[in-house]
Amino acid sequence: MVISFPKIQKYLESLDLANADKLDIIAKELIFDEAFYEKVSQALRRRFSRGAETVEAIDRGGRLTRVKREKRGGKYRYLVLGENGDWFESNERIWIVAMYALWQASKKHF
């Protein structure tokens, strides 16, 4: 089953895995594997539910970054710490989940 993220679904479907970066590859895996997406997404939510203010993640450049969650109007927004120190909101949550999945994968190799 394909998870619905209309803004990036077409991009990920046309992705050439031979030339893709790690974030694109893991995002493609997440969008086409609902069980994998739910596992990573729930792990991320649990970290915040248990009191974490920020969570580590890995960005497109392979750099360690942080993610925070803010509640606005009954909905949660996920913000990523940019290289310049500013927080920005991703256009779709799949990228936040993918960055967290990359961080999880990096921990398994140590």
Protein backbone atom coordinates (compact mmCIF):
# COMPACT_ATOMS: atom_id res chain seq x y z
CA MET A 1 0.00 0.00 0.00
CA VAL A 2 1.21 3.49 -0.86
CA ILE A 3 0.95 6.14 1.86
CA SER A 4 -0.54 9.39 0.54
CA PHE A 5 1.91 12.26 0.37
CA PRO A 6 0.79 13.89 -2.87
CA LYS A 7 3.45 16.60 -3.01
CA ILE A 8 6.33 14.14 -3.17
CA GLN A 9 4.81 10.86 -4.31
CA LYS A 10 5.42 11.53 -8.01
CA TYR A 11 8.98 12.64 -7.24
CA LEU A 12 9.71 9.45 -5.30
CA GLU A 13 8.08 7.21 -7.91
CA SER A 14 10.40 8.57 -10.59
CA LEU A 15 13.49 8.38 -8.40
CA ASP A 16 16.57 6.70 -9.86
CA LEU A 17 17.93 4.79 -6.85
CA ALA A 18 21.41 4.65 -8.39
CA ASN A 19 21.71 8.44 -8.16
CA ALA A 20 19.55 9.10 -5.09
CA ASP A 21 20.84 10.21 -1.70
CA LYS A 22 20.11 8.28 1.49
CA LEU A 23 17.19 10.50 2.51
CA ASP A 24 15.43 9.98 -0.83
CA ILE A 25 16.00 6.22 -0.67
CA ILE A 26 14.59 5.86 2.83
CA ALA A 27 11.66 8.18 2.03
CA LYS A 28 10.81 5.96 -0.93
CA GLU A 29 10.94 2.87 1.29
CA LEU A 30 8.68 4.59 3.84
CA ILE A 31 6.09 5.77 1.34
CA PHE A 32 5.69 2.34 -0.25
CA ASP A 33 5.80 0.29 2.97
CA GLU A 34 3.02 1.34 5.33
CA ALA A 35 4.19 -0.96 8.15
CA PHE A 36 7.72 0.49 8.04
CA TYR A 37 6.34 4.05 7.97
CA GLU A 38 4.06 3.40 10.95
CA LYS A 39 6.87 1.79 12.95
CA VAL A 40 9.22 4.75 12.50
CA SER A 41 6.46 7.34 12.86
CA GLN A 42 5.22 5.81 16.11
CA ALA A 43 8.76 5.64 17.49
CA LEU A 44 9.16 9.35 16.75
CA ARG A 45 5.83 10.23 18.39
CA ARG A 46 6.72 8.13 21.45
CA ARG A 47 9.95 10.03 21.95
CA PHE A 48 8.01 13.29 22.15
CA SER A 49 5.18 11.78 24.21
CA ARG A 50 7.74 10.65 26.77
CA GLY A 51 8.99 14.19 27.24
CA ALA A 52 11.75 14.78 24.69
CA GLU A 53 11.95 18.42 23.65
CA THR A 54 14.08 17.62 20.61
CA VAL A 55 14.98 14.40 18.82
CA GLU A 56 18.09 13.69 16.78
CA ALA A 57 17.80 13.09 13.04
CA ILE A 58 20.02 13.09 9.97
CA ASP A 59 19.40 15.60 7.18
CA ARG A 60 19.87 15.32 3.42
CA GLY A 61 23.55 16.22 3.67
CA GLY A 62 24.17 13.42 6.17
CA ARG A 63 24.54 15.90 9.00
CA LEU A 64 23.21 15.34 12.50
CA THR A 65 20.32 17.70 13.22
CA ARG A 66 17.43 18.02 15.62
CA VAL A 67 13.65 17.88 15.29
CA LYS A 68 11.16 19.45 17.66
CA ARG A 69 7.39 19.22 17.88
CA GLU A 70 5.03 22.10 18.60
CA LYS A 71 1.30 21.96 19.11
CA ARG A 72 -0.67 24.65 17.33
CA GLY A 73 -4.44 24.69 17.19
CA GLY A 74 -4.83 21.04 18.10
CA LYS A 75 -2.30 19.85 15.49
CA TYR A 76 1.37 19.07 15.84
CA ARG A 77 4.01 20.72 13.67
CA TYR A 78 7.43 19.16 13.29
CA LEU A 79 10.31 21.59 12.91
CA VAL A 80 13.89 20.87 11.80
CA LEU A 81 16.95 22.75 12.99
CA GLY A 82 18.71 24.22 9.96
CA GLU A 83 22.44 24.76 9.56
CA ASN A 84 21.97 28.46 10.30
CA GLY A 85 20.35 27.72 13.67
CA ASP A 86 16.80 28.55 12.56
CA TRP A 87 13.89 26.12 12.85
CA PHE A 88 11.86 25.42 9.72
CA GLU A 89 8.83 23.31 8.93
CA SER A 90 9.12 20.58 6.32
CA ASN A 91 6.59 20.68 3.51
CA GLU A 92 5.52 17.10 4.30
CA ARG A 93 5.92 14.97 7.41
CA ILE A 94 7.42 12.09 5.40
CA TRP A 95 10.74 13.99 5.34
CA ILE A 96 10.79 14.26 9.15
CA VAL A 97 10.05 10.55 9.50
CA ALA A 98 12.74 9.75 6.91
CA MET A 99 15.34 11.88 8.74
CA TYR A 100 14.50 10.11 12.00
CA ALA A 101 14.70 6.70 10.26
CA LEU A 102 18.17 7.61 8.96
CA TRP A 103 19.26 8.47 12.48
CA GLN A 104 17.86 5.17 13.77
CA ALA A 105 19.73 3.29 11.04
CA SER A 106 22.98 5.08 11.88
CA LYS A 107 22.71 3.89 15.49
CA LYS A 108 22.51 0.26 14.38
CA HIS A 109 25.90 0.45 12.68
CA PHE A 110 27.84 1.34 15.83
